Amino acid sequence: MAAAAAAATVTPAVDGTVRRTRNGWRNGERGQALIEMALVLPLIFVFILVMVDFGIALDRREVLQHAVREGARHAAVTANIDAIKQRTVDQSQGVLSLADVSVCYLDTNGNGRAGDPGDDVRVGASFTYRFTVGGGEMLTAFGVPVPSIAMNPSADMRLENSVGSAPLC
C-alpha cells in the first residue's frame, strides 16, 4: 500500500483542486510526448543530413580550388595546354574531367600578344554539385528538383616562359 501511494503523484488541476495521478501522467497525456517526438525527429534528421551534404559541397569546392591552383602553377612553366589540363584533373581527386578545365592567357603588359613572359595564365574549372544525402533524393519524392551549386573556381599565375598561340581570356 505504501509503494502504491509513493508511485502516485499529486498535480494541481486547472480549477485549483488537487488530483492524484498514477505514475505522474494524466489520462489524456500518455502518448503526447511520443507523438511530438514522431513529428519532430524526422525534421531534425533531415536538417542534419542537409548540413552534412552542404559540408560535402564545401569540401568539393576546396578540392576544385586546389586543383586549379596546381594547374595554374604548372601552367606558369609549361606551354602544353593538354598537360596543364591533365595536371588539373589529376589534382581534383576524380571530380573533374578534361572537358571541365579551361586554360587561357591574359595580356597584362598591354603589347597585344598574350603568352609572353610576365603575362598571366588563368586555369579555371566548371563543376555542378548536386545535393544527394540530405535534400536530393528526399525532395524528388515531393516533386521538387534536386538543388545544386554551380562551382567555377579559377586561379591566375604569372608566366615564366613564352607560350606560342596562346588562347586569350
N, C-alpha and C. Protein backbone atom coordinates (compact mmCIF):
# COMPACT_ATOMS: atom_id res chain seq x y z
N MET A 1 0.83 -1.19 0.00
CA MET A 1 0.00 0.00 0.00
C MET A 1 0.87 1.25 0.00
N ALA A 2 1.97 1.21 0.76
CA ALA A 2 2.87 2.37 0.83
C ALA A 2 3.55 2.59 -0.51
N ALA A 3 3.87 1.49 -1.22
CA ALA A 3 4.51 1.61 -2.52
C ALA A 3 3.57 2.23 -3.53
N ALA A 4 2.29 1.86 -3.46
CA ALA A 4 1.32 2.42 -4.39
C ALA A 4 1.12 3.90 -4.11
N ALA A 5 1.15 4.29 -2.87
CA ALA A 5 1.00 5.71 -2.53
C ALA A 5 2.22 6.51 -2.96
N ALA A 6 3.40 5.90 -2.90
CA ALA A 6 4.62 6.58 -3.30
C ALA A 6 4.67 6.75 -4.82
N ALA A 7 4.08 5.80 -5.57
CA ALA A 7 4.10 5.87 -7.03
C ALA A 7 3.16 6.94 -7.55
N ALA A 8 2.11 7.23 -6.80
CA ALA A 8 1.16 8.25 -7.23
C ALA A 8 1.72 9.63 -6.90
N THR A 9 1.47 10.59 -7.78
CA THR A 9 1.91 11.96 -7.54
C THR A 9 0.71 12.87 -7.47
N VAL A 10 0.91 14.01 -6.93
CA VAL A 10 -0.17 14.98 -6.79
C VAL A 10 0.11 16.12 -7.75
N THR A 11 -0.88 16.41 -8.61
CA THR A 11 -0.74 17.51 -9.55
C THR A 11 -1.93 18.45 -9.40
N PRO A 12 -1.69 19.74 -9.49
CA PRO A 12 -2.82 20.66 -9.37
C PRO A 12 -3.62 20.68 -10.66
N ALA A 13 -4.91 20.71 -10.58
CA ALA A 13 -5.79 20.81 -11.74
C ALA A 13 -5.97 22.28 -12.09
N VAL A 14 -6.62 22.54 -13.22
CA VAL A 14 -6.82 23.91 -13.69
C VAL A 14 -7.71 24.69 -12.72
N ASP A 15 -8.68 24.03 -12.13
CA ASP A 15 -9.61 24.74 -11.25
C ASP A 15 -9.06 24.89 -9.83
N GLY A 16 -7.82 24.51 -9.59
CA GLY A 16 -7.20 24.69 -8.29
C GLY A 16 -7.32 23.49 -7.37
N THR A 17 -8.09 22.49 -7.76
CA THR A 17 -8.20 21.30 -6.93
C THR A 17 -6.99 20.41 -7.16
N VAL A 18 -6.72 19.54 -6.24
CA VAL A 18 -5.58 18.63 -6.35
C VAL A 18 -6.09 17.27 -6.79
N ARG A 19 -5.44 16.71 -7.82
CA ARG A 19 -5.86 15.45 -8.38
C ARG A 19 -4.69 14.46 -8.30
N ARG A 20 -4.96 13.24 -7.91
CA ARG A 20 -3.92 12.21 -7.87
C ARG A 20 -3.86 11.52 -9.23
N THR A 21 -2.61 11.33 -9.73
CA THR A 21 -2.43 10.60 -10.98
C THR A 21 -1.49 9.44 -10.74
N ARG A 22 -1.58 8.47 -11.57
CA ARG A 22 -0.72 7.30 -11.45
C ARG A 22 0.52 7.50 -12.33
N ASN A 23 1.69 7.32 -11.79
CA ASN A 23 2.99 7.46 -12.47
C ASN A 23 3.24 8.87 -13.02
N GLY A 24 2.58 9.86 -12.53
CA GLY A 24 2.85 11.23 -12.92
C GLY A 24 2.19 11.67 -14.20
N TRP A 25 1.46 10.82 -14.92
CA TRP A 25 0.82 11.18 -16.17
C TRP A 25 -0.68 11.33 -15.96
N ARG A 26 -1.25 12.36 -16.52
CA ARG A 26 -2.70 12.46 -16.54
C ARG A 26 -3.22 11.56 -17.63
N ASN A 27 -4.46 11.20 -17.59
CA ASN A 27 -5.00 10.21 -18.52
C ASN A 27 -4.88 10.62 -19.98
N GLY A 28 -5.09 11.86 -20.33
CA GLY A 28 -5.07 12.28 -21.72
C GLY A 28 -3.69 12.57 -22.28
N GLU A 29 -2.61 12.50 -21.50
CA GLU A 29 -1.29 12.89 -21.97
C GLU A 29 -0.31 11.73 -22.08
N ARG A 30 -0.78 10.52 -22.06
CA ARG A 30 0.14 9.38 -22.06
C ARG A 30 0.95 9.27 -23.34
N GLY A 31 0.40 9.54 -24.51
CA GLY A 31 1.12 9.40 -25.77
C GLY A 31 1.57 10.72 -26.38
N GLN A 32 1.39 11.81 -25.67
CA GLN A 32 1.70 13.12 -26.24
C GLN A 32 3.18 13.26 -26.57
N ALA A 33 4.05 12.89 -25.68
CA ALA A 33 5.49 13.01 -25.92
C ALA A 33 5.93 12.14 -27.09
N LEU A 34 5.34 10.95 -27.22
CA LEU A 34 5.69 10.06 -28.31
C LEU A 34 5.25 10.65 -29.65
N ILE A 35 4.07 11.23 -29.70
CA ILE A 35 3.59 11.84 -30.94
C ILE A 35 4.43 13.07 -31.30
N GLU A 36 4.78 13.89 -30.32
CA GLU A 36 5.63 15.06 -30.59
C GLU A 36 6.99 14.64 -31.11
N MET A 37 7.57 13.60 -30.53
CA MET A 37 8.86 13.12 -31.00
C MET A 37 8.74 12.55 -32.41
N ALA A 38 7.65 11.84 -32.69
CA ALA A 38 7.47 11.27 -34.02
C ALA A 38 7.32 12.35 -35.08
N LEU A 39 6.80 13.51 -34.71
CA LEU A 39 6.65 14.60 -35.66
C LEU A 39 7.93 15.42 -35.84
N VAL A 40 8.69 15.61 -34.79
CA VAL A 40 9.85 16.49 -34.82
C VAL A 40 11.13 15.75 -35.22
N LEU A 41 11.27 14.50 -34.85
CA LEU A 41 12.51 13.76 -35.12
C LEU A 41 12.86 13.66 -36.61
N PRO A 42 11.91 13.39 -37.52
CA PRO A 42 12.29 13.38 -38.95
C PRO A 42 12.79 14.74 -39.45
N LEU A 43 12.21 15.82 -38.94
CA LEU A 43 12.69 17.15 -39.36
C LEU A 43 14.11 17.41 -38.88
N ILE A 44 14.40 17.02 -37.67
CA ILE A 44 15.76 17.17 -37.15
C ILE A 44 16.73 16.30 -37.95
N PHE A 45 16.31 15.10 -38.29
CA PHE A 45 17.16 14.18 -39.06
C PHE A 45 17.46 14.76 -40.45
N VAL A 46 16.45 15.29 -41.13
CA VAL A 46 16.66 15.89 -42.46
C VAL A 46 17.57 17.10 -42.35
N PHE A 47 17.40 17.93 -41.34
CA PHE A 47 18.25 19.10 -41.14
C PHE A 47 19.71 18.68 -40.97
N ILE A 48 19.96 17.65 -40.21
CA ILE A 48 21.33 17.16 -40.01
C ILE A 48 21.90 16.64 -41.33
N LEU A 49 21.09 15.92 -42.10
CA LEU A 49 21.57 15.41 -43.39
C LEU A 49 21.88 16.54 -44.37
N VAL A 50 21.08 17.60 -44.37
CA VAL A 50 21.34 18.74 -45.25
C VAL A 50 22.65 19.42 -44.84
N MET A 51 22.89 19.53 -43.54
CA MET A 51 24.16 20.12 -43.08
C MET A 51 25.34 19.27 -43.53
N VAL A 52 25.22 17.95 -43.45
CA VAL A 52 26.30 17.07 -43.90
C VAL A 52 26.52 17.24 -45.39
N ASP A 53 25.44 17.28 -46.16
CA ASP A 53 25.55 17.44 -47.60
C ASP A 53 26.18 18.78 -47.97
N PHE A 54 25.83 19.84 -47.27
CA PHE A 54 26.45 21.14 -47.52
C PHE A 54 27.93 21.11 -47.18
N GLY A 55 28.31 20.39 -46.14
CA GLY A 55 29.72 20.21 -45.81
C GLY A 55 30.47 19.49 -46.91
N ILE A 56 29.84 18.49 -47.52
CA ILE A 56 30.46 17.79 -48.65
C ILE A 56 30.65 18.75 -49.82
N ALA A 57 29.66 19.63 -50.06
CA ALA A 57 29.78 20.62 -51.14
C ALA A 57 30.94 21.57 -50.88
N LEU A 58 31.12 21.99 -49.64
CA LEU A 58 32.26 22.86 -49.31
C LEU A 58 33.58 22.14 -49.53
N ASP A 59 33.62 20.86 -49.20
CA ASP A 59 34.84 20.08 -49.44
C ASP A 59 35.15 20.00 -50.93
N ARG A 60 34.13 19.76 -51.75
CA ARG A 60 34.33 19.71 -53.20
C ARG A 60 34.87 21.05 -53.71
N ARG A 61 34.36 22.13 -53.19
CA ARG A 61 34.82 23.47 -53.61
C ARG A 61 36.30 23.65 -53.29
N GLU A 62 36.71 23.22 -52.11
CA GLU A 62 38.12 23.34 -51.72
C GLU A 62 39.00 22.45 -52.60
N VAL A 63 38.53 21.26 -52.92
CA VAL A 63 39.30 20.36 -53.80
C VAL A 63 39.45 20.99 -55.18
N LEU A 64 38.38 21.58 -55.70
CA LEU A 64 38.46 22.22 -57.01
C LEU A 64 39.40 23.42 -57.01
N GLN A 65 39.34 24.22 -55.96
CA GLN A 65 40.23 25.37 -55.88
C GLN A 65 41.69 24.93 -55.83
N HIS A 66 41.96 23.87 -55.08
CA HIS A 66 43.32 23.34 -55.03
C HIS A 66 43.76 22.85 -56.41
N ALA A 67 42.86 22.16 -57.11
CA ALA A 67 43.21 21.61 -58.43
C ALA A 67 43.54 22.72 -59.43
N VAL A 68 42.73 23.78 -59.49
CA VAL A 68 43.01 24.83 -60.46
C VAL A 68 44.25 25.62 -60.06
N ARG A 69 44.51 25.76 -58.78
CA ARG A 69 45.74 26.45 -58.35
C ARG A 69 46.97 25.64 -58.76
N GLU A 70 46.91 24.32 -58.58
CA GLU A 70 48.04 23.48 -59.01
C GLU A 70 48.17 23.49 -60.53
N GLY A 71 47.05 23.52 -61.24
CA GLY A 71 47.11 23.62 -62.70
C GLY A 71 47.73 24.93 -63.15
N ALA A 72 47.41 26.02 -62.47
CA ALA A 72 47.99 27.32 -62.82
C ALA A 72 49.48 27.36 -62.51
N ARG A 73 49.87 26.75 -61.40
CA ARG A 73 51.31 26.69 -61.09
C ARG A 73 52.07 25.91 -62.16
N HIS A 74 51.47 24.83 -62.62
CA HIS A 74 52.09 24.03 -63.69
C HIS A 74 52.10 24.83 -65.00
N ALA A 75 51.04 25.60 -65.24
CA ALA A 75 50.94 26.38 -66.48
C ALA A 75 51.96 27.52 -66.52
N ALA A 76 52.41 27.99 -65.39
CA ALA A 76 53.38 29.08 -65.36
C ALA A 76 54.70 28.67 -65.98
N VAL A 77 55.00 27.39 -65.99
CA VAL A 77 56.29 26.92 -66.52
C VAL A 77 56.13 25.96 -67.70
N THR A 78 54.91 25.59 -68.06
CA THR A 78 54.65 24.63 -69.13
C THR A 78 53.82 25.27 -70.22
N ALA A 79 54.16 25.03 -71.48
CA ALA A 79 53.43 25.63 -72.59
C ALA A 79 52.35 24.70 -73.14
N ASN A 80 52.35 23.44 -72.78
CA ASN A 80 51.42 22.45 -73.33
C ASN A 80 50.08 22.52 -72.58
N ILE A 81 49.03 22.96 -73.29
CA ILE A 81 47.72 23.12 -72.66
C ILE A 81 47.14 21.78 -72.24
N ASP A 82 47.35 20.74 -73.03
CA ASP A 82 46.83 19.42 -72.65
C ASP A 82 47.47 18.92 -71.36
N ALA A 83 48.76 19.18 -71.19
CA ALA A 83 49.44 18.77 -69.95
C ALA A 83 48.93 19.57 -68.75
N ILE A 84 48.61 20.83 -68.98
CA ILE A 84 48.07 21.68 -67.91
C ILE A 84 46.70 21.15 -67.48
N LYS A 85 45.86 20.84 -68.46
CA LYS A 85 44.53 20.30 -68.14
C LYS A 85 44.64 18.96 -67.41
N GLN A 86 45.54 18.12 -67.88
CA GLN A 86 45.70 16.81 -67.24
C GLN A 86 46.19 16.95 -65.80
N ARG A 87 47.10 17.88 -65.57
CA ARG A 87 47.58 18.11 -64.20
C ARG A 87 46.45 18.57 -63.30
N THR A 88 45.58 19.43 -63.82
CA THR A 88 44.44 19.92 -63.05
C THR A 88 43.47 18.78 -62.73
N VAL A 89 43.18 17.94 -63.70
CA VAL A 89 42.29 16.79 -63.49
C VAL A 89 42.90 15.82 -62.48
N ASP A 90 44.20 15.60 -62.58
CA ASP A 90 44.87 14.68 -61.64
C ASP A 90 44.78 15.19 -60.20
N GLN A 91 44.79 16.49 -60.00
CA GLN A 91 44.75 17.06 -58.66
C GLN A 91 43.32 17.19 -58.11
N SER A 92 42.31 16.88 -58.92
CA SER A 92 40.93 17.11 -58.50
C SER A 92 40.28 15.93 -57.78
N GLN A 93 41.00 14.90 -57.49
CA GLN A 93 40.50 13.71 -56.78
C GLN A 93 39.31 13.08 -57.49
N GLY A 94 39.34 13.09 -58.82
CA GLY A 94 38.29 12.45 -59.60
C GLY A 94 37.03 13.29 -59.80
N VAL A 95 37.04 14.54 -59.39
CA VAL A 95 35.85 15.38 -59.52
C VAL A 95 35.74 15.95 -60.94
N LEU A 96 36.85 16.29 -61.55
CA LEU A 96 36.84 16.95 -62.87
C LEU A 96 37.19 15.98 -63.98
N SER A 97 36.76 16.34 -65.19
CA SER A 97 37.22 15.67 -66.41
C SER A 97 37.95 16.73 -67.25
N LEU A 98 38.61 16.30 -68.32
CA LEU A 98 39.36 17.23 -69.16
C LEU A 98 38.45 18.30 -69.76
N ALA A 99 37.20 17.95 -70.06
CA ALA A 99 36.27 18.91 -70.66
C ALA A 99 35.86 20.01 -69.66
N ASP A 100 36.02 19.76 -68.37
CA ASP A 100 35.62 20.74 -67.34
C ASP A 100 36.68 21.81 -67.10
N VAL A 101 37.88 21.64 -67.65
CA VAL A 101 39.01 22.53 -67.36
C VAL A 101 39.25 23.45 -68.55
N SER A 102 39.50 24.74 -68.26
CA SER A 102 39.82 25.70 -69.32
C SER A 102 41.14 26.40 -68.98
N VAL A 103 41.91 26.70 -70.03
CA VAL A 103 43.19 27.40 -69.88
C VAL A 103 43.19 28.55 -70.88
N CYS A 104 43.49 29.75 -70.39
CA CYS A 104 43.60 30.91 -71.27
C CYS A 104 44.66 31.85 -70.72
N TYR A 105 45.05 32.81 -71.55
CA TYR A 105 46.16 33.70 -71.20
C TYR A 105 45.70 35.15 -71.24
N LEU A 106 46.20 35.96 -70.32
CA LEU A 106 45.86 37.37 -70.21
C LEU A 106 47.07 38.21 -70.65
N ASP A 107 46.82 39.21 -71.49
CA ASP A 107 47.87 40.12 -71.92
C ASP A 107 47.99 41.23 -70.88
N THR A 108 48.80 41.02 -69.85
CA THR A 108 48.88 42.00 -68.76
C THR A 108 49.87 43.13 -69.06
N ASN A 109 50.81 42.93 -70.00
CA ASN A 109 51.77 44.00 -70.28
C ASN A 109 51.26 44.93 -71.39
N GLY A 110 50.13 44.61 -72.03
CA GLY A 110 49.50 45.50 -73.00
C GLY A 110 50.17 45.58 -74.35
N ASN A 111 50.97 44.59 -74.73
CA ASN A 111 51.64 44.66 -76.03
C ASN A 111 50.82 44.01 -77.15
N GLY A 112 49.64 43.50 -76.83
CA GLY A 112 48.79 42.90 -77.86
C GLY A 112 49.00 41.42 -78.06
N ARG A 113 49.97 40.84 -77.41
CA ARG A 113 50.24 39.40 -77.53
C ARG A 113 50.13 38.76 -76.14
N ALA A 114 49.29 37.77 -76.03
CA ALA A 114 49.18 37.01 -74.77
C ALA A 114 50.15 35.84 -74.84
N GLY A 115 50.70 35.49 -73.73
CA GLY A 115 51.61 34.34 -73.67
C GLY A 115 53.07 34.72 -73.54
N ASP A 116 53.36 36.01 -73.42
CA ASP A 116 54.75 36.44 -73.21
C ASP A 116 55.13 36.25 -71.74
N PRO A 117 56.42 36.11 -71.46
CA PRO A 117 56.83 36.06 -70.05
C PRO A 117 56.37 37.33 -69.33
N GLY A 118 55.79 37.16 -68.18
CA GLY A 118 55.24 38.28 -67.42
C GLY A 118 53.73 38.41 -67.56
N ASP A 119 53.16 37.82 -68.63
CA ASP A 119 51.70 37.79 -68.76
C ASP A 119 51.14 36.76 -67.78
N ASP A 120 49.82 36.73 -67.64
CA ASP A 120 49.19 35.79 -66.72
C ASP A 120 48.52 34.65 -67.48
N VAL A 121 48.50 33.51 -66.85
CA VAL A 121 47.74 32.36 -67.34
C VAL A 121 46.63 32.10 -66.34
N ARG A 122 45.45 31.81 -66.85
CA ARG A 122 44.29 31.52 -65.99
C ARG A 122 43.81 30.10 -66.25
N VAL A 123 43.74 29.32 -65.19
CA VAL A 123 43.20 27.97 -65.26
C VAL A 123 41.89 27.98 -64.48
N GLY A 124 40.83 27.52 -65.13
CA GLY A 124 39.52 27.51 -64.50
C GLY A 124 38.87 26.14 -64.64
N ALA A 125 37.86 25.92 -63.83
CA ALA A 125 37.12 24.66 -63.89
C ALA A 125 35.65 24.97 -63.72
N SER A 126 34.83 24.10 -64.24
CA SER A 126 33.38 24.23 -64.12
C SER A 126 32.82 22.92 -63.60
N PHE A 127 32.08 22.99 -62.50
CA PHE A 127 31.54 21.78 -61.87
C PHE A 127 30.22 22.15 -61.19
N THR A 128 29.25 21.28 -61.28
CA THR A 128 27.97 21.49 -60.60
C THR A 128 27.78 20.40 -59.57
N TYR A 129 27.68 20.81 -58.31
CA TYR A 129 27.44 19.86 -57.22
C TYR A 129 25.94 19.71 -57.01
N ARG A 130 25.46 18.48 -57.02
CA ARG A 130 24.06 18.19 -56.77
C ARG A 130 23.91 17.56 -55.40
N PHE A 131 23.03 18.11 -54.60
CA PHE A 131 22.80 17.57 -53.26
C PHE A 131 22.25 16.15 -53.37
N THR A 132 22.74 15.27 -52.52
CA THR A 132 22.30 13.88 -52.57
C THR A 132 21.79 13.39 -51.23
N VAL A 133 22.59 13.48 -50.20
CA VAL A 133 22.29 12.85 -48.92
C VAL A 133 21.07 13.47 -48.26
N GLY A 134 21.10 14.76 -47.99
CA GLY A 134 20.05 15.38 -47.21
C GLY A 134 18.86 15.83 -48.02
N GLY A 135 19.09 16.61 -49.06
CA GLY A 135 17.98 17.19 -49.77
C GLY A 135 17.67 16.54 -51.09
N GLY A 136 18.64 15.89 -51.69
CA GLY A 136 18.49 15.40 -53.05
C GLY A 136 17.36 14.42 -53.27
N GLU A 137 17.54 13.20 -52.84
CA GLU A 137 16.55 12.17 -53.11
C GLU A 137 15.25 12.41 -52.36
N MET A 138 15.34 13.00 -51.17
CA MET A 138 14.12 13.21 -50.39
C MET A 138 13.20 14.23 -51.05
N LEU A 139 13.77 15.26 -51.67
CA LEU A 139 12.95 16.29 -52.30
C LEU A 139 12.32 15.80 -53.59
N THR A 140 12.96 14.90 -54.30
CA THR A 140 12.38 14.39 -55.54
C THR A 140 11.11 13.60 -55.26
N ALA A 141 10.97 13.03 -54.08
CA ALA A 141 9.75 12.32 -53.73
C ALA A 141 8.56 13.28 -53.67
N PHE A 142 8.80 14.57 -53.41
CA PHE A 142 7.74 15.57 -53.34
C PHE A 142 7.63 16.39 -54.63
N GLY A 143 8.35 15.99 -55.67
CA GLY A 143 8.28 16.70 -56.94
C GLY A 143 9.15 17.94 -57.02
N VAL A 144 10.04 18.15 -56.06
CA VAL A 144 10.93 19.30 -56.05
C VAL A 144 12.24 18.90 -56.73
N PRO A 145 12.76 19.72 -57.66
CA PRO A 145 14.02 19.35 -58.31
C PRO A 145 15.18 19.33 -57.31
N VAL A 146 16.18 18.55 -57.63
CA VAL A 146 17.34 18.42 -56.76
C VAL A 146 18.11 19.73 -56.75
N PRO A 147 18.38 20.30 -55.57
CA PRO A 147 19.16 21.54 -55.54
C PRO A 147 20.60 21.29 -55.95
N SER A 148 21.22 22.31 -56.54
CA SER A 148 22.60 22.17 -56.99
C SER A 148 23.33 23.49 -56.78
N ILE A 149 24.66 23.39 -56.76
CA ILE A 149 25.51 24.58 -56.62
C ILE A 149 26.51 24.56 -57.78
N ALA A 150 26.51 25.63 -58.57
CA ALA A 150 27.48 25.77 -59.66
C ALA A 150 28.79 26.29 -59.08
N MET A 151 29.87 25.59 -59.35
CA MET A 151 31.19 25.98 -58.85
C MET A 151 32.10 26.26 -60.04
N ASN A 152 32.69 27.44 -60.08
CA ASN A 152 33.58 27.85 -61.17
C ASN A 152 34.84 28.49 -60.63
N PRO A 153 35.70 27.73 -59.95
CA PRO A 153 36.93 28.32 -59.41
C PRO A 153 37.94 28.57 -60.53
N SER A 154 38.80 29.55 -60.30
CA SER A 154 39.89 29.82 -61.25
C SER A 154 41.08 30.34 -60.47
N ALA A 155 42.24 30.23 -61.11
CA ALA A 155 43.48 30.71 -60.49
C ALA A 155 44.35 31.32 -61.59
N ASP A 156 45.02 32.41 -61.26
CA ASP A 156 45.93 33.10 -62.19
C ASP A 156 47.36 32.99 -61.66
N MET A 157 48.29 32.80 -62.59
CA MET A 157 49.72 32.80 -62.26
C MET A 157 50.46 33.55 -63.36
N ARG A 158 51.60 34.13 -63.00
CA ARG A 158 52.43 34.85 -63.94
C ARG A 158 53.29 33.86 -64.72
N LEU A 159 53.33 34.03 -66.03
CA LEU A 159 54.11 33.14 -66.91
C LEU A 159 55.61 33.39 -66.73
N GLU A 160 56.35 32.31 -66.72
CA GLU A 160 57.80 32.42 -66.66
C GLU A 160 58.43 32.17 -68.02
N ASN A 161 57.72 31.46 -68.89
CA ASN A 161 58.23 31.13 -70.23
C ASN A 161 57.24 31.64 -71.27
N SER A 162 57.69 31.80 -72.49
CA SER A 162 56.84 32.23 -73.58
C SER A 162 55.98 31.06 -74.06
N VAL A 163 54.74 31.41 -74.45
CA VAL A 163 53.81 30.39 -74.94
C VAL A 163 53.36 30.85 -76.33
N GLY A 164 53.51 29.99 -77.33
CA GLY A 164 53.07 30.31 -78.68
C GLY A 164 51.60 29.96 -78.86
N SER A 165 50.89 30.71 -79.65
CA SER A 165 49.47 30.52 -79.97
C SER A 165 48.64 30.34 -78.69
N ALA A 166 48.79 31.27 -77.79
CA ALA A 166 48.07 31.21 -76.51
C ALA A 166 46.65 31.73 -76.68
N PRO A 167 45.63 30.97 -76.27
CA PRO A 167 44.26 31.48 -76.36
C PRO A 167 44.01 32.60 -75.33
N LEU A 168 43.37 33.66 -75.81
CA LEU A 168 43.08 34.80 -74.93
C LEU A 168 41.87 34.52 -74.05
N CYS A 169 41.86 35.14 -72.88
CA CYS A 169 40.70 35.03 -71.98
C CYS A 169 39.63 36.00 -72.40
